[in-house]
PDB file of N, CA and C in Angstrom:
ATOM      1  N   MET A   1      22.391  43.206 -88.832  1.00  0.00           N
ATOM      2  CA  MET A   1      22.941  42.461 -89.942  1.00  0.00           C
ATOM      3  C   MET A   1      24.467  42.636 -89.954  1.00  0.00           C
ATOM      4  N   GLN A   2      25.181  41.538 -90.035  1.00  0.00           N
ATOM      5  CA  GLN A   2      26.634  41.604 -90.096  1.00  0.00           C
ATOM      6  C   GLN A   2      27.104  41.418 -91.521  1.00  0.00           C
ATOM      7  N   SER A   3      28.100  42.180 -91.884  1.00  0.00           N
ATOM      8  CA  SER A   3      28.670  42.096 -93.216  1.00  0.00           C
ATOM      9  C   SER A   3      29.679  40.948 -93.284  1.00  0.00           C
ATOM     10  N   GLU A   4      29.781  40.369 -94.450  1.00  0.00           N
ATOM     11  CA  GLU A   4      30.781  39.322 -94.681  1.00  0.00           C
ATOM     12  C   GLU A   4      32.178  39.927 -94.813  1.00  0.00           C
ATOM     13  N   ARG A   5      32.235  41.213 -95.145  1.00  0.00           N
ATOM     14  CA  ARG A   5      33.519  41.876 -95.368  1.00  0.00           C
ATOM     15  C   ARG A   5      34.010  42.533 -94.086  1.00  0.00           C
ATOM     16  N   ARG A   6      35.288  42.415 -93.866  1.00  0.00           N
ATOM     17  CA  ARG A   6      35.957  43.057 -92.746  1.00  0.00           C
ATOM     18  C   ARG A   6      37.159  43.804 -93.325  1.00  0.00           C
ATOM     19  N   THR A   7      36.995  45.096 -93.470  1.00  0.00           N
ATOM     20  CA  THR A   7      38.017  45.920 -94.109  1.00  0.00           C
ATOM     21  C   THR A   7      38.819  46.661 -93.054  1.00  0.00           C
ATOM     22  N   HIS A   8      40.142  46.570 -93.163  1.00  0.00           N
ATOM     23  CA  HIS A   8      41.035  47.320 -92.289  1.00  0.00           C
ATOM     24  C   HIS A   8      41.656  48.433 -93.131  1.00  0.00           C
ATOM     25  N   LEU A   9      41.582  49.665 -92.646  1.00  0.00           N
ATOM     26  CA  LEU A   9      42.193  50.815 -93.296  1.00  0.00           C
ATOM     27  C   LEU A   9      43.383  51.222 -92.453  1.00  0.00           C
ATOM     28  N   VAL A  10      44.581  51.142 -93.034  1.00  0.00           N
ATOM     29  CA  VAL A  10      45.804  51.384 -92.265  1.00  0.00           C
ATOM     30  C   VAL A  10      46.742  52.313 -93.024  1.00  0.00           C
ATOM     31  N   GLY A  11      47.577  52.996 -92.282  1.00  0.00           N
ATOM     32  CA  GLY A  11      48.605  53.837 -92.879  1.00  0.00           C
ATOM     33  C   GLY A  11      49.762  52.996 -93.378  1.00  0.00           C
ATOM     34  N   LYS A  12      50.476  53.530 -94.367  1.00  0.00           N
ATOM     35  CA  LYS A  12      51.545  52.749 -94.995  1.00  0.00           C
ATOM     36  C   LYS A  12      52.687  52.421 -94.037  1.00  0.00           C
ATOM     37  N   GLY A  13      52.808  53.138 -92.935  1.00  0.00           N
ATOM     38  CA  GLY A  13      53.875  52.872 -91.983  1.00  0.00           C
ATOM     39  C   GLY A  13      53.625  51.677 -91.088  1.00  0.00           C
ATOM     40  N   VAL A  14      52.396  51.143 -91.079  1.00  0.00           N
ATOM     41  CA  VAL A  14      52.075  50.026 -90.185  1.00  0.00           C
ATOM     42  C   VAL A  14      51.525  48.821 -90.957  1.00  0.00           C
ATOM     43  N   VAL A  15      51.865  48.744 -92.235  1.00  0.00           N
ATOM     44  CA  VAL A  15      51.346  47.659 -93.073  1.00  0.00           C
ATOM     45  C   VAL A  15      51.799  46.297 -92.568  1.00  0.00           C
ATOM     46  N   ARG A  16      53.064  46.156 -92.229  1.00  0.00           N
ATOM     47  CA  ARG A  16      53.568  44.845 -91.798  1.00  0.00           C
ATOM     48  C   ARG A  16      52.781  44.323 -90.599  1.00  0.00           C
ATOM     49  N   PHE A  17      52.572  45.179 -89.611  1.00  0.00           N
ATOM     50  CA  PHE A  17      51.829  44.737 -88.430  1.00  0.00           C
ATOM     51  C   PHE A  17      50.416  44.306 -88.810  1.00  0.00           C
ATOM     52  N   HIS A  18      49.715  45.135 -89.593  1.00  0.00           N
ATOM     53  CA  HIS A  18      48.312  44.865 -89.887  1.00  0.00           C
ATOM     54  C   HIS A  18      48.092  43.810 -90.967  1.00  0.00           C
ATOM     55  N   ALA A  19      49.099  43.555 -91.782  1.00  0.00           N
ATOM     56  CA  ALA A  19      48.943  42.550 -92.839  1.00  0.00           C
ATOM     57  C   ALA A  19      49.562  41.206 -92.474  1.00  0.00           C
ATOM     58  N   VAL A  20      50.446  41.176 -91.464  1.00  0.00           N
ATOM     59  CA  VAL A  20      51.113  39.919 -91.098  1.00  0.00           C
ATOM     60  C   VAL A  20      50.810  39.535 -89.651  1.00  0.00           C
ATOM     61  N   TYR A  21      51.224  40.372 -88.723  1.00  0.00           N
ATOM     62  CA  TYR A  21      51.135  40.004 -87.306  1.00  0.00           C
ATOM     63  C   TYR A  21      49.697  39.998 -86.777  1.00  0.00           C
ATOM     64  N   TRP A  22      48.920  41.039 -87.084  1.00  0.00           N
ATOM     65  CA  TRP A  22      47.544  41.105 -86.582  1.00  0.00           C
ATOM     66  C   TRP A  22      46.711  39.935 -87.106  1.00  0.00           C
ATOM     67  N   PRO A  23      46.743  39.630 -88.412  1.00  0.00           N
ATOM     68  CA  PRO A  23      45.990  38.451 -88.871  1.00  0.00           C
ATOM     69  C   PRO A  23      46.456  37.151 -88.207  1.00  0.00           C
ATOM     70  N   ALA A  24      47.759  37.040 -87.933  1.00  0.00           N
ATOM     71  CA  ALA A  24      48.256  35.834 -87.252  1.00  0.00           C
ATOM     72  C   ALA A  24      47.666  35.733 -85.849  1.00  0.00           C
ATOM     73  N   MET A  25      47.573  36.861 -85.161  1.00  0.00           N
ATOM     74  CA  MET A  25      46.976  36.849 -83.813  1.00  0.00           C
ATOM     75  C   MET A  25      45.488  36.516 -83.878  1.00  0.00           C
ATOM     76  N   LEU A  26      44.793  37.090 -84.860  1.00  0.00           N
ATOM     77  CA  LEU A  26      43.373  36.785 -85.021  1.00  0.00           C
ATOM     78  C   LEU A  26      43.171  35.302 -85.315  1.00  0.00           C
ATOM     79  N   LEU A  27      43.995  34.772 -86.206  1.00  0.00           N
ATOM     80  CA  LEU A  27      43.903  33.365 -86.583  1.00  0.00           C
ATOM     81  C   LEU A  27      44.138  32.467 -85.368  1.00  0.00           C
ATOM     82  N   SER A  28      45.149  32.797 -84.568  1.00  0.00           N
ATOM     83  CA  SER A  28      45.435  31.962 -83.396  1.00  0.00           C
ATOM     84  C   SER A  28      44.320  32.055 -82.348  1.00  0.00           C
ATOM     85  N   ALA A  29      43.581  33.163 -82.341  1.00  0.00           N
ATOM     86  CA  ALA A  29      42.477  33.324 -81.397  1.00  0.00           C
ATOM     87  C   ALA A  29      41.167  32.781 -81.957  1.00  0.00           C
ATOM     88  N   GLY A  30      41.214  32.276 -83.208  1.00  0.00           N
ATOM     89  CA  GLY A  30      40.013  31.731 -83.827  1.00  0.00           C
ATOM     90  C   GLY A  30      39.020  32.799 -84.267  1.00  0.00           C
ATOM     91  N   LEU A  31      39.497  34.009 -84.468  1.00  0.00           N
ATOM     92  CA  LEU A  31      38.630  35.116 -84.890  1.00  0.00           C
ATOM     93  C   LEU A  31      38.717  35.316 -86.398  1.00  0.00           C
ATOM     94  N   PRO A  32      37.699  35.905 -86.992  1.00  0.00           N
ATOM     95  CA  PRO A  32      37.716  36.098 -88.446  1.00  0.00           C
ATOM     96  C   PRO A  32      38.814  37.070 -88.881  1.00  0.00           C
ATOM     97  N   LEU A  33      39.385  36.776 -90.023  1.00  0.00           N
ATOM     98  CA  LEU A  33      40.449  37.608 -90.583  1.00  0.00           C
ATOM     99  C   LEU A  33      39.861  38.728 -91.424  1.00  0.00           C
ATOM    100  N   PRO A  34      40.636  39.805 -91.619  1.00  0.00           N
ATOM    101  CA  PRO A  34      40.157  40.851 -92.522  1.00  0.00           C
ATOM    102  C   PRO A  34      40.037  40.297 -93.936  1.00  0.00           C
ATOM    103  N   THR A  35      39.008  40.740 -94.634  1.00  0.00           N
ATOM    104  CA  THR A  35      38.862  40.333 -96.030  1.00  0.00           C
ATOM    105  C   THR A  35      39.593  41.301 -96.955  1.00  0.00           C
ATOM    106  N   ASP A  36      39.778  42.522 -96.490  1.00  0.00           N
ATOM    107  CA  ASP A  36      40.468  43.545 -97.273  1.00  0.00           C
ATOM    108  C   ASP A  36      41.352  44.364 -96.345  1.00  0.00           C
ATOM    109  N   ILE A  37      42.519  44.719 -96.834  1.00  0.00           N
ATOM    110  CA  ILE A  37      43.380  45.655 -96.122  1.00  0.00           C
ATOM    111  C   ILE A  37      43.686  46.781 -97.097  1.00  0.00           C
ATOM    112  N   LEU A  38      43.172  47.974 -96.783  1.00  0.00           N
ATOM    113  CA  LEU A  38      43.398  49.141 -97.627  1.00  0.00           C
ATOM    114  C   LEU A  38      44.481  50.000 -96.980  1.00  0.00           C
ATOM    115  N   VAL A  39      45.452  50.399 -97.769  1.00  0.00           N
ATOM    116  CA  VAL A  39      46.597  51.145 -97.253  1.00  0.00           C
ATOM    117  C   VAL A  39      46.557  52.561 -97.813  1.00  0.00           C
ATOM    118  N   HIS A  40      46.662  53.538 -96.919  1.00  0.00           N
ATOM    119  CA  HIS A  40      46.697  54.928 -97.372  1.00  0.00           C
ATOM    120  C   HIS A  40      48.079  55.514 -97.145  1.00  0.00           C
ATOM    121  N   ASP A  41      48.394  56.524 -97.948  1.00  0.00           N
ATOM    122  CA  ASP A  41      49.663  57.234 -97.801  1.00  0.00           C
ATOM    123  C   ASP A  41      49.538  58.244 -96.669  1.00  0.00           C
ATOM    124  N   TYR A  42      50.592  59.021 -96.466  1.00  0.00           N
ATOM    125  CA  TYR A  42      50.612  59.967 -95.356  1.00  0.00           C
ATOM    126  C   TYR A  42      49.986  61.304 -95.725  1.00  0.00           C
ATOM    127  N   LEU A  43      49.374  61.910 -94.743  1.00  0.00           N
ATOM    128  CA  LEU A  43      48.981  63.306 -94.816  1.00  0.00           C
ATOM    129  C   LEU A  43      50.019  64.035 -93.982  1.00  0.00           C
ATOM    130  N   THR A  44      50.737  64.946 -94.612  1.00  0.00           N
ATOM    131  CA  THR A  44      51.801  65.658 -93.913  1.00  0.00           C
ATOM    132  C   THR A  44      51.367  67.096 -93.638  1.00  0.00           C
ATOM    133  N   VAL A  45      52.067  67.726 -92.728  1.00  0.00           N
ATOM    134  CA  VAL A  45      51.840  69.140 -92.409  1.00  0.00           C
ATOM    135  C   VAL A  45      53.163  69.854 -92.609  1.00  0.00           C
ATOM    136  N   ASP A  46      53.166  70.786 -93.549  1.00  0.00           N
ATOM    137  CA  ASP A  46      54.390  71.516 -93.875  1.00  0.00           C
ATOM    138  C   ASP A  46      55.553  70.560 -94.141  1.00  0.00           C
ATOM    139  N   GLY A  47      55.253  69.450 -94.822  1.00  0.00           N
ATOM    140  CA  GLY A  47      56.272  68.484 -95.218  1.00  0.00           C
ATOM    141  C   GLY A  47      56.632  67.449 -94.169  1.00  0.00           C
ATOM    142  N   ARG A  48      56.049  67.516 -92.974  1.00  0.00           N
ATOM    143  CA  ARG A  48      56.366  66.556 -91.916  1.00  0.00           C
ATOM    144  C   ARG A  48      55.165  65.662 -91.649  1.00  0.00           C
ATOM    145  N   LYS A  49      55.408  64.353 -91.517  1.00  0.00           N
ATOM    146  CA  LYS A  49      54.338  63.388 -91.278  1.00  0.00           C
ATOM    147  C   LYS A  49      53.570  63.748 -90.008  1.00  0.00           C
ATOM    148  N   ILE A  50      52.238  63.687 -90.096  1.00  0.00           N
ATOM    149  CA  ILE A  50      51.418  63.941 -88.915  1.00  0.00           C
ATOM    150  C   ILE A  50      51.701  62.852 -87.892  1.00  0.00           C
ATOM    151  N   SER A  51      52.020  63.279 -86.679  1.00  0.00           N
ATOM    152  CA  SER A  51      52.401  62.332 -85.642  1.00  0.00           C
ATOM    153  C   SER A  51      52.144  62.953 -84.276  1.00  0.00           C
ATOM    154  N   LYS A  52      51.400  62.236 -83.445  1.00  0.00           N
ATOM    155  CA  LYS A  52      51.152  62.738 -82.094  1.00  0.00           C
ATOM    156  C   LYS A  52      52.455  62.832 -81.311  1.00  0.00           C
ATOM    157  N   SER A  53      53.338  61.842 -81.471  1.00  0.00           N
ATOM    158  CA  SER A  53      54.561  61.822 -80.669  1.00  0.00           C
ATOM    159  C   SER A  53      55.508  62.959 -81.034  1.00  0.00           C
ATOM    160  N   SER A  54      55.526  63.385 -82.305  1.00  0.00           N
ATOM    161  CA  SER A  54      56.416  64.485 -82.693  1.00  0.00           C
ATOM    162  C   SER A  54      55.742  65.844 -82.548  1.00  0.00           C
ATOM    163  N   GLY A  55      54.450  65.829 -82.247  1.00  0.00           N
ATOM    164  CA  GLY A  55      53.731  67.084 -82.086  1.00  0.00           C
ATOM    165  C   GLY A  55      53.275  67.713 -83.390  1.00  0.00           C
ATOM    166  N   THR A  56      53.436  66.992 -84.487  1.00  0.00           N
ATOM    167  CA  THR A  56      52.993  67.492 -85.786  1.00  0.00           C
ATOM    168  C   THR A  56      51.532  67.092 -85.959  1.00  0.00           C
ATOM    169  N   THR A  57      50.641  67.973 -85.551  1.00  0.00           N
ATOM    170  CA  THR A  57      49.219  67.666 -85.619  1.00  0.00           C
ATOM    171  C   THR A  57      48.438  68.863 -86.133  1.00  0.00           C
ATOM    172  N   VAL A  58      47.254  68.590 -86.582  1.00  0.00           N
ATOM    173  CA  VAL A  58      46.293  69.626 -86.962  1.00  0.00           C
ATOM    174  C   VAL A  58      44.978  69.210 -86.328  1.00  0.00           C
ATOM    175  N   ASP A  59      44.362  70.111 -85.590  1.00  0.00           N
ATOM    176  CA  ASP A  59      43.090  69.797 -84.953  1.00  0.00           C
ATOM    177  C   ASP A  59      41.965  70.110 -85.932  1.00  0.00           C
ATOM    178  N   PRO A  60      41.276  69.082 -86.444  1.00  0.00           N
ATOM    179  CA  PRO A  60      40.218  69.334 -87.424  1.00  0.00           C
ATOM    180  C   PRO A  60      39.082  70.180 -86.846  1.00  0.00           C
ATOM    181  N   GLU A  61      38.835  70.079 -85.553  1.00  0.00           N
ATOM    182  CA  GLU A  61      37.781  70.898 -84.944  1.00  0.00           C
ATOM    183  C   GLU A  61      38.137  72.383 -85.001  1.00  0.00           C
ATOM    184  N   ASP A  62      39.422  72.709 -84.815  1.00  0.00           N
ATOM    185  CA  ASP A  62      39.864  74.101 -84.928  1.00  0.00           C
ATOM    186  C   ASP A  62      39.688  74.608 -86.356  1.00  0.00           C
ATOM    187  N   LEU A  63      40.045  73.769 -87.330  1.00  0.00           N
ATOM    188  CA  LEU A  63      39.894  74.163 -88.736  1.00  0.00           C
ATOM    189  C   LEU A  63      38.427  74.416 -89.078  1.00  0.00           C
ATOM    190  N   VAL A  64      37.556  73.512 -88.633  1.00  0.00           N
ATOM    191  CA  VAL A  64      36.127  73.657 -88.919  1.00  0.00           C
ATOM    192  C   VAL A  64      35.573  74.906 -88.234  1.00  0.00           C
ATOM    193  N   ALA A  65      36.014  75.164 -87.013  1.00  0.00           N
ATOM    194  CA  ALA A  65      35.543  76.361 -86.309  1.00  0.00           C
ATOM    195  C   ALA A  65      35.962  77.634 -87.036  1.00  0.00           C
ATOM    196  N   GLU A  66      37.159  77.621 -87.610  1.00  0.00           N
ATOM    197  CA  GLU A  66      37.668  78.822 -88.288  1.00  0.00           C
ATOM    198  C   GLU A  66      37.158  78.969 -89.717  1.00  0.00           C
ATOM    199  N   PHE A  67      37.107  77.854 -90.473  1.00  0.00           N
ATOM    200  CA  PHE A  67      36.805  77.940 -91.901  1.00  0.00           C
ATOM    201  C   PHE A  67      35.452  77.351 -92.291  1.00  0.00           C
ATOM    202  N   GLY A  68      34.873  76.535 -91.432  1.00  0.00           N
ATOM    203  CA  GLY A  68      33.610  75.880 -91.746  1.00  0.00           C
ATOM    204  C   GLY A  68      33.828  74.473 -92.282  1.00  0.00           C
ATOM    205  N   THR A  69      32.827  73.634 -92.076  1.00  0.00           N
ATOM    206  CA  THR A  69      32.912  72.229 -92.480  1.00  0.00           C
ATOM    207  C   THR A  69      33.103  72.077 -93.985  1.00  0.00           C
ATOM    208  N   ASP A  70      32.325  72.803 -94.761  1.00  0.00           N
ATOM    209  CA  ASP A  70      32.395  72.650 -96.219  1.00  0.00           C
ATOM    210  C   ASP A  70      33.751  73.040 -96.779  1.00  0.00           C
ATOM    211  N   ALA A  71      34.353  74.092 -96.254  1.00  0.00           N
ATOM    212  CA  ALA A  71      35.669  74.518 -96.749  1.00  0.00           C
ATOM    213  C   ALA A  71      36.724  73.458 -96.465  1.00  0.00           C
ATOM    214  N   VAL A  72      36.676  72.873 -95.277  1.00  0.00           N
ATOM    215  CA  VAL A  72      37.663  71.842 -94.922  1.00  0.00           C
ATOM    216  C   VAL A  72      37.440  70.590 -95.772  1.00  0.00           C
ATOM    217  N   ARG A  73      36.191  70.174 -95.922  1.00  0.00           N
ATOM    218  CA  ARG A  73      35.890  69.015 -96.785  1.00  0.00           C
ATOM    219  C   ARG A  73      36.388  69.256 -98.201  1.00  0.00           C
ATOM    220  N   TRP A  74      36.066  70.428 -98.737  1.00  0.00           N
ATOM    221  CA  TRP A  74      36.450  70.754-100.114  1.00  0.00           C
ATOM    222  C   TRP A  74      37.960  70.687-100.282  1.00  0.00           C
ATOM    223  N   ARG A  75      38.680  71.252 -99.342  1.00  0.00           N
ATOM    224  CA  ARG A  75      40.143  71.265 -99.417  1.00  0.00           C
ATOM    225  C   ARG A  75      40.687  69.839 -99.433  1.00  0.00           C
ATOM    226  N   LEU A  76      40.186  69.008 -98.543  1.00  0.00           N
ATOM    227  CA  LEU A  76      40.694  67.637 -98.482  1.00  0.00           C
ATOM    228  C   LEU A  76      40.308  66.840 -99.720  1.00  0.00           C
ATOM    229  N   LEU A  77      39.075  66.988-100.177  1.00  0.00           N
ATOM    230  CA  LEU A  77      38.644  66.250-101.369  1.00  0.00           C
ATOM    231  C   LEU A  77      39.359  66.734-102.624  1.00  0.00           C
ATOM    232  N   ARG A  78      39.629  68.011-102.695  1.00  0.00           N
ATOM    233  CA  ARG A  78      40.249  68.587-103.891  1.00  0.00           C
ATOM    234  C   ARG A  78      41.751  68.359-103.936  1.00  0.00           C
ATOM    235  N   GLU A  79      42.412  68.459-102.809  1.00  0.00           N
ATOM    236  CA  GLU A  79      43.867  68.493-102.780  1.00  0.00           C
ATOM    237  C   GLU A  79      44.557  67.174-102.445  1.00  0.00           C
ATOM    238  N   VAL A  80      43.875  66.258-101.796  1.00  0.00           N
ATOM    239  CA  VAL A  80      44.530  65.011-101.393  1.00  0.00           C
ATOM    240  C   VAL A  80      44.426  64.008-102.541  1.00  0.00           C
ATOM    241  N   PRO A  81      45.584  63.587-103.092  1.00  0.00           N
ATOM    242  CA  PRO A  81      45.550  62.642-104.215  1.00  0.00           C
ATOM    243  C   PRO A  81      45.148  61.243-103.766  1.00  0.00           C
ATOM    244  N   ARG A  82      44.684  60.453-104.710  1.00  0.00           N
ATOM    245  CA  ARG A  82      44.319  59.064-104.395  1.00  0.00           C
ATOM    246  C   ARG A  82      45.551  58.230-104.090  1.00  0.00           C
ATOM    247  N   VAL A  83      46.681  58.611-104.658  1.00  0.00           N
ATOM    248  CA  VAL A  83      47.927  57.882-104.448  1.00  0.00           C
ATOM    249  C   VAL A  83      49.026  58.891-104.142  1.00  0.00           C
ATOM    250  N   GLY A  84      49.810  58.604-103.134  1.00  0.00           N
ATOM    251  CA  GLY A  84      50.918  59.484-102.775  1.00  0.00           C
ATOM    252  C   GLY A  84      50.601  60.313-101.545  1.00  0.00           C
ATOM    253  N   ASP A  85      51.653  60.791-100.921  1.00  0.00           N
ATOM    254  CA  ASP A  85      51.493  61.621 -99.749  1.00  0.00           C
ATOM    255  C   ASP A  85      50.886  62.966-100.146  1.00  0.00           C
ATOM    256  N   ALA A  86      50.221  63.596 -99.210  1.00  0.00           N
ATOM    257  CA  ALA A  86      49.625  64.912 -99.442  1.00  0.00           C
ATOM    258  C   ALA A  86      50.064  65.841 -98.327  1.00  0.00           C
ATOM    259  N   ASP A  87      50.441  67.050 -98.695  1.00  0.00           N
ATOM    260  CA  ASP A  87      50.893  68.018 -97.705  1.00  0.00           C
ATOM    261  C   ASP A  87      49.787  69.023 -97.419  1.00  0.00           C
ATOM    262  N   PHE A  88      49.500  69.217 -96.147  1.00  0.00           N
ATOM    263  CA  PHE A  88      48.484  70.169 -95.720  1.00  0.00           C
ATOM    264  C   PHE A  88      49.156  71.399 -95.157  1.00  0.00           C
ATOM    265  N   THR A  89      48.692  72.557 -95.599  1.00  0.00           N
ATOM    266  CA  THR A  89      49.112  73.807 -94.975  1.00  0.00           C
ATOM    267  C   THR A  89      47.880  74.689 -94.818  1.00  0.00           C
ATOM    268  N   ARG A  90      47.868  75.474 -93.764  1.00  0.00           N
ATOM    269  CA  ARG A  90      46.767  76.408 -93.568  1.00  0.00           C
ATOM    270  C   ARG A  90      46.731  77.404 -94.723  1.00  0.00           C
ATOM    271  N   GLY A  91      47.907  77.755 -95.236  1.00  0.00           N
ATOM    272  CA  GLY A  91      47.984  78.707 -96.341  1.00  0.00           C
ATOM    273  C   GLY A  91      47.228  78.226 -97.568  1.00  0.00           C
ATOM    274  N   ARG A  92      47.335  76.946 -97.894  1.00  0.00           N
ATOM    275  CA  ARG A  92      46.609  76.411 -99.046  1.00  0.00           C
ATOM    276  C   ARG A  92      45.107  76.391 -98.797  1.00  0.00           C
ATOM    277  N   LEU A  93      44.716  76.128 -97.566  1.00  0.00           N
ATOM    278  CA  LEU A  93      43.288  76.153 -97.236  1.00  0.00           C
ATOM    279  C   LEU A  93      42.737  77.569 -97.397  1.00  0.00           C
ATOM    280  N   ILE A  94      43.501  78.539 -96.922  1.00  0.00           N
ATOM    281  CA  ILE A  94      43.086  79.935 -97.031  1.00  0.00           C
ATOM    282  C   ILE A  94      43.103  80.404 -98.478  1.00  0.00           C
ATOM    283  N   ALA A  95      44.032  79.874 -99.282  1.00  0.00           N
ATOM    284  CA  ALA A  95      44.204  80.326-100.664  1.00  0.00           C
ATOM    285  C   ALA A  95      43.046  79.945-101.585  1.00  0.00           C
ATOM    286  N   VAL A  96      42.257  78.953-101.214  1.00  0.00           N
ATOM    287  CA  VAL A  96      41.123  78.555-102.063  1.00  0.00           C
ATOM    288  C   VAL A  96      40.025  79.594-101.877  1.00  0.00           C
ATOM    289  N   PRO A  97      39.709  80.349-102.921  1.00  0.00           N
ATOM    290  CA  PRO A  97      38.687  81.388-102.778  1.00  0.00           C
ATOM    291  C   PRO A  97      37.338  80.788-102.376  1.00  0.00           C
ATOM    292  N   THR A  98      36.657  81.452-101.472  1.00  0.00           N
ATOM    293  CA  THR A  98      35.369  80.980-100.971  1.00  0.00           C
ATOM    294  C   THR A  98      34.384  80.669-102.095  1.00  0.00           C
ATOM    295  N   PRO A  99      34.197  81.554-103.090  1.00  0.00           N
ATOM    296  CA  PRO A  99      33.237  81.228-104.147  1.00  0.00           C
ATOM    297  C   PRO A  99      33.596  79.957-104.912  1.00  0.00           C
ATOM    298  N   THR A 100      34.907  79.659-105.057  1.00  0.00           N
ATOM    299  CA  THR A 100      35.344  78.471-105.791  1.00  0.00           C
ATOM    300  C   THR A 100      34.845  77.207-105.112  1.00  0.00           C
ATOM    301  N   TRP A 101      35.129  77.068-103.823  1.00  0.00           N
ATOM    302  CA  TRP A 101      34.705  75.824-103.160  1.00  0.00           C
ATOM    303  C   TRP A 101      33.206  75.794-102.952  1.00  0.00           C
ATOM    304  N   GLN A 102      32.571  76.939-102.729  1.00  0.00           N
ATOM    305  CA  GLN A 102      31.118  76.936-102.546  1.00  0.00           C
ATOM    306  C   GLN A 102      30.412  76.501-103.821  1.00  0.00           C
ATOM    307  N   ALA A 103      30.858  77.023-104.954  1.00  0.00           N
ATOM    308  CA  ALA A 103      30.239  76.653-106.227  1.00  0.00           C
ATOM    309  C   ALA A 103      30.470  75.183-106.538  1.00  0.00           C
ATOM    310  N   ALA A 104      31.700  74.727-106.315  1.00  0.00           N
ATOM    311  CA  ALA A 104      32.014  73.332-106.599  1.00  0.00           C
ATOM    312  C   ALA A 104      31.248  72.399-105.672  1.00  0.00           C
ATOM    313  N   TRP A 105      31.156  72.766-104.393  1.00  0.00           N
ATOM    314  CA  TRP A 105      30.448  71.923-103.433  1.00  0.00           C
ATOM    315  C   TRP A 105      28.966  71.850-103.773  1.00  0.00           C
ATOM    316  N   ALA A 106      28.395  73.000-104.142  1.00  0.00           N
ATOM    317  CA  ALA A 106      26.960  73.026-104.503  1.00  0.00           C
ATOM    318  C   ALA A 106      26.704  72.157-105.719  1.00  0.00           C
ATOM    319  N   THR A 107      27.596  72.223-106.700  1.00  0.00           N
ATOM    320  CA  THR A 107      27.458  71.408-107.909  1.00  0.00           C
ATOM    321  C   THR A 107      27.569  69.926-107.590  1.00  0.00           C
ATOM    322  N   SER A 108      28.573  69.558-106.771  1.00  0.00           N
ATOM    323  CA  SER A 108      28.783  68.140-106.466  1.00  0.00           C
ATOM    324  C   SER A 108      27.673  67.583-105.587  1.00  0.00           C
ATOM    325  N   SER A 109      27.118  68.390-104.701  1.00  0.00           N
ATOM    326  CA  SER A 109      26.094  67.865-103.803  1.00  0.00           C
ATOM    327  C   SER A 109      24.721  67.763-104.456  1.00  0.00           C
ATOM    328  N   THR A 110      24.530  68.441-105.582  1.00  0.00           N
ATOM    329  CA  THR A 110      23.260  68.336-106.291  1.00  0.00           C
ATOM    330  C   THR A 110      23.303  67.256-107.363  1.00  0.00           C
ATOM    331  N   GLY A 111      24.502  66.704-107.586  1.00  0.00           N
ATOM    332  CA  GLY A 111      24.649  65.640-108.574  1.00  0.00           C
ATOM    333  C   GLY A 111      24.794  66.165-109.990  1.00  0.00           C
ATOM    334  N   SER A 112      25.003  67.472-110.157  1.00  0.00           N
ATOM    335  CA  SER A 112      25.166  68.050-111.494  1.00  0.00           C
ATOM    336  C   SER A 112      26.519  67.781-112.053  1.00  0.00           C
TER     337      SER A 112
END
């Protein structure tokens, strides 16, 4: 089953390309256009935008191996705002006491 909606999720730094040029290319190729374009802000590391070219990266697999999946999920869900850039530091991840995120995660996953 194919959905009628075609949602593109893009970072705020590439909005022009994905909202103007890419739809123009799709239109000229006779392909369906996105029905929604959702734009997210930046996730930064120690105040610097995450970027492969600048080497500012965080390997999520390393974080999960060290802290566990639930701790990483909790940190991102708790600390990343719906609007605005969010800064990630290992120190903030470590600073969240284990019982705090475990209790909150258990409560949220049971629907309480």
